[in-house]
Amino acid sequence: MESTQRPVSGQVPAPVLIGAADPAAAGPHFLAGRTALVTGAASGIGRACAVALAAAGAHVYVVDRAAMAAKGVAEEVGGTAYVVDLADPAAVDSLPEDADIVVNNAGLQHVAPVHDFPPERFTLIQRVMVEAPFRIVRRTLPHMYRQGWGRVVNISSVHGLRASPFKVAYVTAKHALEGLSKVVALEGAPHGVTSNCISPGYVRTPLVEEQIALQAQAHGIPVQDVVERVMLEPSAIKRLIEPEEVAQAVLWLCSAHTGYVTGVSIPVDGGWTAH
């Protein structure tokens, strides 16, 4: 039944629920007709996101510098591989402009105290984890604006909300990514584009596996003690997060009924930030 009620002057009418014919409607393939660009998609969280988005019907641009692995994931999900080094601005600017969904996930880590931290490593981490997401979003927003729909999901970290010693470049980059995400949320809102961060604790990924040895060296403790005494000490849930758990949070932000969720950071951290 059609309502005869008129909106109050200056008030934005309530959104109409999306029907089944819409590409973003609820259902097992609710992203059919959409295209998703995922960075760092050859392994870990990025691969889990590529698999989840493809299962929901999206065509996935699998972006990674690991050529063989990226092509393998693209073949697995029926997507397209783009072998790109995100530290190269020209290469980043060659990525497709027509993504409806962008998942900025790629990252790297270096563990050292500030006074010993290599400046060139600090610069590299900012380029990959801040400048590349900026360039990708800057490139894809016009397409999202034209169609009146878009989703930017930035894989931040609990270190985008909290700091830890020995990770100055990573913590700086993740805090910057949180700020970028909020600005995009404010600018994108009138165009039907949302922008949010997912902020996990320690996820079972190759990056974390590599960190275990580095943390052991930095803290002067045995490798076997790193997970329990360093990584999981602030977490109420004493286990590593699985990549698929993060991917499901990403998928939720792309679903039919999250259009009012924007400009936020969603901790997936086992209670770390509850302290």
Protein backbone atom coordinates (compact mmCIF):
# COMPACT_ATOMS: atom_id res chain seq x y z
CA MET A 1 0.00 0.00 0.00
CA GLU A 2 1.38 3.40 -0.94
CA SER A 3 1.79 5.86 1.89
CA THR A 4 0.09 9.27 1.65
CA GLN A 5 2.34 10.70 4.35
CA ARG A 6 4.60 13.53 3.21
CA PRO A 7 8.12 13.92 4.61
CA VAL A 8 8.73 16.84 6.91
CA SER A 9 10.42 19.70 5.10
CA GLY A 10 14.20 19.24 5.09
CA GLN A 11 13.92 15.63 6.24
CA VAL A 12 15.48 12.86 4.15
CA PRO A 13 12.84 10.19 3.36
CA ALA A 14 13.46 6.73 4.81
CA PRO A 15 15.21 4.40 2.34
CA VAL A 16 13.14 1.93 0.36
CA LEU A 17 14.20 -1.63 1.07
CA ILE A 18 16.01 -3.18 -1.88
CA GLY A 19 13.99 -5.63 -3.90
CA ALA A 20 15.06 -9.08 -5.07
CA ALA A 21 15.78 -7.82 -8.58
CA ASP A 22 18.46 -5.42 -7.39
CA PRO A 23 22.07 -6.64 -7.67
CA ALA A 24 22.62 -5.88 -3.99
CA ALA A 25 19.47 -7.64 -2.78
CA ALA A 26 19.57 -10.32 -0.12
CA GLY A 27 20.19 -13.89 -1.23
CA PRO A 28 23.12 -16.23 -1.74
CA HIS A 29 24.33 -14.29 -4.79
CA PHE A 30 23.43 -10.80 -3.58
CA LEU A 31 26.53 -9.31 -5.24
CA ALA A 32 25.73 -10.65 -8.71
CA GLY A 33 26.55 -7.92 -11.22
CA ARG A 34 29.02 -6.23 -8.88
CA THR A 35 32.79 -6.03 -9.26
CA ALA A 36 35.13 -6.13 -6.27
CA LEU A 37 38.80 -5.13 -6.16
CA VAL A 38 40.78 -6.77 -3.36
CA THR A 39 44.43 -5.96 -2.67
CA GLY A 40 46.78 -8.48 -1.12
CA ALA A 41 44.34 -11.09 -2.38
CA ALA A 42 46.80 -13.89 -3.06
CA SER A 43 46.79 -15.14 0.54
CA GLY A 44 45.50 -14.61 4.05
CA ILE A 45 42.67 -12.16 4.66
CA GLY A 46 42.70 -10.94 1.05
CA ARG A 47 42.25 -14.42 -0.36
CA ALA A 48 39.44 -15.12 2.12
CA CYS A 49 37.73 -11.88 1.03
CA ALA A 50 38.11 -12.78 -2.66
CA VAL A 51 36.57 -16.21 -2.05
CA ALA A 52 33.66 -14.80 0.01
CA LEU A 53 32.86 -11.97 -2.42
CA ALA A 54 32.99 -14.32 -5.40
CA ALA A 55 30.71 -16.80 -3.64
CA ALA A 56 28.23 -13.94 -3.21
CA GLY A 57 28.28 -13.37 -6.98
CA ALA A 58 30.87 -10.61 -7.45
CA HIS A 59 33.55 -10.64 -10.12
CA VAL A 60 36.79 -10.17 -8.20
CA TYR A 61 39.90 -8.32 -9.29
CA VAL A 62 42.63 -10.23 -7.45
CA VAL A 63 45.43 -7.71 -6.86
CA ASP A 64 48.79 -8.87 -5.54
CA ARG A 65 52.47 -8.74 -6.43
CA ALA A 66 52.78 -12.55 -6.07
CA ALA A 67 52.00 -13.47 -9.67
CA MET A 68 51.54 -17.22 -9.41
CA ALA A 69 49.46 -17.06 -6.24
CA ALA A 70 47.28 -14.20 -7.55
CA LYS A 71 46.58 -16.07 -10.78
CA GLY A 72 45.76 -19.19 -8.78
CA VAL A 73 43.21 -17.37 -6.63
CA ALA A 74 41.71 -15.64 -9.68
CA GLU A 75 41.29 -19.00 -11.39
CA GLU A 76 39.76 -20.47 -8.25
CA VAL A 77 37.13 -17.72 -7.88
CA GLY A 78 36.53 -16.98 -11.56
CA GLY A 79 38.08 -13.52 -11.20
CA THR A 80 40.83 -11.53 -12.88
CA ALA A 81 44.39 -11.31 -11.59
CA TYR A 82 46.30 -8.02 -11.57
CA VAL A 83 49.96 -8.47 -10.69
CA VAL A 84 50.87 -5.10 -9.20
CA ASP A 85 53.45 -3.82 -6.73
CA LEU A 86 51.48 -1.37 -4.58
CA ALA A 87 54.70 0.48 -3.77
CA ASP A 88 54.76 1.66 -7.39
CA PRO A 89 52.31 4.59 -7.80
CA ALA A 90 52.22 4.24 -11.59
CA ALA A 91 51.31 0.56 -11.28
CA VAL A 92 48.57 1.36 -8.77
CA ASP A 93 47.16 3.98 -11.14
CA SER A 94 46.89 1.30 -13.84
CA LEU A 95 44.31 -0.71 -11.88
CA PRO A 96 40.68 -0.82 -13.09
CA GLU A 97 38.44 2.14 -12.34
CA ASP A 98 35.14 0.26 -12.43
CA ALA A 99 35.16 -1.51 -9.05
CA ASP A 100 31.88 -1.29 -7.14
CA ILE A 101 33.57 -2.65 -4.02
CA VAL A 102 37.13 -1.90 -2.91
CA VAL A 103 38.81 -3.90 -0.17
CA ASN A 104 42.12 -2.31 0.80
CA ASN A 105 43.84 -5.18 2.52
CA ALA A 106 47.50 -5.40 1.47
CA GLY A 107 50.08 -4.74 4.13
CA LEU A 108 53.52 -5.50 5.44
CA GLN A 109 55.26 -5.29 8.77
CA HIS A 110 58.63 -4.45 10.26
CA VAL A 111 59.39 -4.80 13.95
CA ALA A 112 62.05 -2.56 15.50
CA PRO A 113 62.29 0.21 18.10
CA VAL A 114 61.82 3.73 16.77
CA HIS A 115 65.47 4.69 17.19
CA ASP A 116 66.55 1.70 15.08
CA PHE A 117 63.70 1.76 12.56
CA PRO A 118 64.99 2.07 8.96
CA PRO A 119 63.50 5.24 7.41
CA GLU A 120 63.24 3.61 3.99
CA ARG A 121 61.16 0.79 5.50
CA PHE A 122 58.89 3.34 7.20
CA THR A 123 58.38 5.08 3.84
CA LEU A 124 57.65 1.79 2.04
CA ILE A 125 54.99 0.81 4.56
CA GLN A 126 53.23 4.19 4.25
CA ARG A 127 53.31 3.92 0.46
CA VAL A 128 51.78 0.44 0.38
CA MET A 129 49.31 0.85 3.24
CA VAL A 130 48.24 4.51 2.96
CA GLU A 131 49.13 6.00 -0.43
CA ALA A 132 48.03 2.96 -2.45
CA PRO A 133 44.58 2.79 -0.77
CA PHE A 134 44.19 6.53 -1.37
CA ARG A 135 45.08 6.16 -5.04
CA ILE A 136 42.76 3.18 -5.50
CA VAL A 137 39.80 4.89 -3.83
CA ARG A 138 40.47 8.14 -5.66
CA ARG A 139 40.43 6.18 -8.92
CA THR A 140 37.26 4.17 -8.25
CA LEU A 141 35.02 6.71 -6.47
CA PRO A 142 33.85 8.45 -9.68
CA HIS A 143 32.44 5.13 -10.94
CA MET A 144 30.70 4.50 -7.62
CA TYR A 145 29.32 8.04 -7.59
CA ARG A 146 27.92 7.71 -11.12
CA GLN A 147 25.95 4.61 -10.24
CA GLY A 148 24.90 5.79 -6.78
CA TRP A 149 26.31 2.77 -4.96
CA GLY A 150 29.70 1.69 -3.67
CA ARG A 151 31.44 0.01 -0.78
CA VAL A 152 34.93 0.82 0.48
CA VAL A 153 36.15 -1.59 3.13
CA ASN A 154 39.57 -0.94 4.60
CA ILE A 155 41.25 -3.76 6.47
CA SER A 156 42.73 -1.81 9.32
CA SER A 157 43.86 -3.45 12.55
CA VAL A 158 43.50 -3.17 16.26
CA HIS A 159 46.70 -1.19 15.74
CA GLY A 160 44.61 1.42 13.95
CA LEU A 161 42.90 1.94 17.33
CA ARG A 162 45.66 1.07 19.78
CA ALA A 163 49.45 1.27 19.73
CA SER A 164 52.12 -1.31 20.46
CA PRO A 165 55.86 -0.86 20.82
CA PHE A 166 58.26 -1.74 17.99
CA LYS A 167 55.65 -1.19 15.23
CA VAL A 168 55.89 2.52 14.54
CA ALA A 169 55.38 2.29 10.76
CA TYR A 170 52.50 -0.19 10.92
CA VAL A 171 50.67 1.65 13.71
CA THR A 172 51.14 4.96 11.90
CA ALA A 173 49.84 3.51 8.62
CA LYS A 174 46.79 1.90 10.18
CA HIS A 175 45.87 5.09 12.05
CA ALA A 176 46.17 6.97 8.75
CA LEU A 177 43.99 4.39 6.99
CA GLU A 178 41.30 4.93 9.63
CA GLY A 179 41.38 8.67 8.89
CA LEU A 180 41.24 8.12 5.13
CA SER A 181 38.25 5.84 5.61
CA LYS A 182 36.32 8.45 7.60
CA VAL A 183 36.92 11.21 5.06
CA VAL A 184 35.71 8.94 2.24
CA ALA A 185 32.64 8.11 4.35
CA LEU A 186 31.74 11.78 4.73
CA GLU A 187 32.30 12.61 1.06
CA GLY A 188 30.68 9.43 -0.26
CA ALA A 189 27.50 9.56 1.80
CA PRO A 190 25.51 11.76 -0.61
CA HIS A 191 26.41 9.36 -3.43
CA GLY A 192 25.35 6.08 -1.85
CA VAL A 193 28.93 5.09 -1.04
CA THR A 194 29.91 3.79 2.39
CA SER A 195 33.43 3.54 3.78
CA ASN A 196 34.37 1.55 6.86
CA CYS A 197 37.27 -0.19 8.54
CA ILE A 198 37.47 -3.72 9.83
CA SER A 199 40.01 -3.78 12.65
CA PRO A 200 41.12 -7.31 13.53
CA GLY A 201 43.46 -8.47 16.21
CA TYR A 202 46.01 -11.10 15.24
CA VAL A 203 44.78 -13.15 12.29
CA ARG A 204 46.28 -16.47 11.25
CA THR A 205 48.06 -15.18 8.12
CA PRO A 206 51.56 -15.42 6.61
CA LEU A 207 52.22 -11.88 7.87
CA VAL A 208 51.49 -12.92 11.46
CA GLU A 209 53.50 -16.12 11.14
CA GLU A 210 56.45 -13.98 10.07
CA GLN A 211 55.88 -11.61 12.98
CA ILE A 212 56.15 -14.39 15.55
CA ALA A 213 59.87 -14.81 14.91
CA LEU A 214 60.41 -11.03 14.78
CA GLN A 215 58.53 -10.49 18.03
CA ALA A 216 60.53 -13.24 19.72
CA GLN A 217 63.71 -11.42 18.78
CA ALA A 218 62.41 -7.98 19.77
CA HIS A 219 61.11 -9.13 23.17
CA GLY A 220 63.90 -11.60 23.87
CA ILE A 221 61.55 -14.52 24.51
CA PRO A 222 61.18 -17.98 22.94
CA VAL A 223 59.12 -18.24 19.76
CA GLN A 224 56.59 -20.55 21.41
CA ASP A 225 55.79 -17.87 24.02
CA VAL A 226 55.07 -15.07 21.54
CA VAL A 227 51.46 -16.01 20.71
CA GLU A 228 50.35 -16.41 24.33
CA ARG A 229 52.46 -13.77 26.09
CA VAL A 230 52.57 -11.03 23.44
CA MET A 231 49.92 -11.46 20.77
CA LEU A 232 47.00 -12.79 22.79
CA GLU A 233 47.77 -11.21 26.17
CA PRO A 234 45.35 -8.25 25.67
CA SER A 235 42.65 -10.38 24.02
CA ALA A 236 39.82 -11.90 26.03
CA ILE A 237 39.42 -14.71 23.49
CA LYS A 238 42.69 -16.63 23.50
CA ARG A 239 43.03 -17.76 19.91
CA LEU A 240 44.15 -16.32 16.61
CA ILE A 241 41.37 -15.04 14.34
CA GLU A 242 40.75 -17.00 11.14
CA PRO A 243 40.87 -15.06 7.83
CA GLU A 244 37.37 -16.27 6.96
CA GLU A 245 35.97 -14.51 10.05
CA VAL A 246 37.31 -11.19 8.80
CA ALA A 247 35.99 -11.90 5.30
CA GLN A 248 32.48 -12.44 6.65
CA ALA A 249 32.58 -9.02 8.30
CA VAL A 250 33.62 -7.52 4.95
CA LEU A 251 30.78 -9.35 3.23
CA TRP A 252 28.28 -8.02 5.77
CA LEU A 253 29.32 -4.43 5.01
CA CYS A 254 28.54 -5.09 1.34
CA SER A 255 25.11 -6.57 2.05
CA ALA A 256 21.69 -5.10 1.37
CA HIS A 257 20.92 -3.64 4.79
CA THR A 258 24.16 -1.91 5.84
CA GLY A 259 23.78 1.25 3.78
CA TYR A 260 23.53 3.33 6.96
CA VAL A 261 26.78 1.91 8.39
CA THR A 262 29.58 4.26 7.39
CA GLY A 263 32.59 6.02 8.87
CA VAL A 264 33.12 3.42 11.56
CA SER A 265 35.79 0.95 12.59
CA ILE A 266 34.51 -2.49 13.52
CA PRO A 267 36.86 -4.30 15.90
CA VAL A 268 37.15 -8.03 15.27
CA ASP A 269 39.63 -8.39 18.09
CA GLY A 270 38.43 -10.90 20.66
CA GLY A 271 37.80 -8.14 23.21
CA TRP A 272 41.21 -6.44 22.93
CA THR A 273 39.74 -2.91 22.71
CA ALA A 274 37.29 -3.62 25.56
CA HIS A 275 40.14 -2.79 27.99
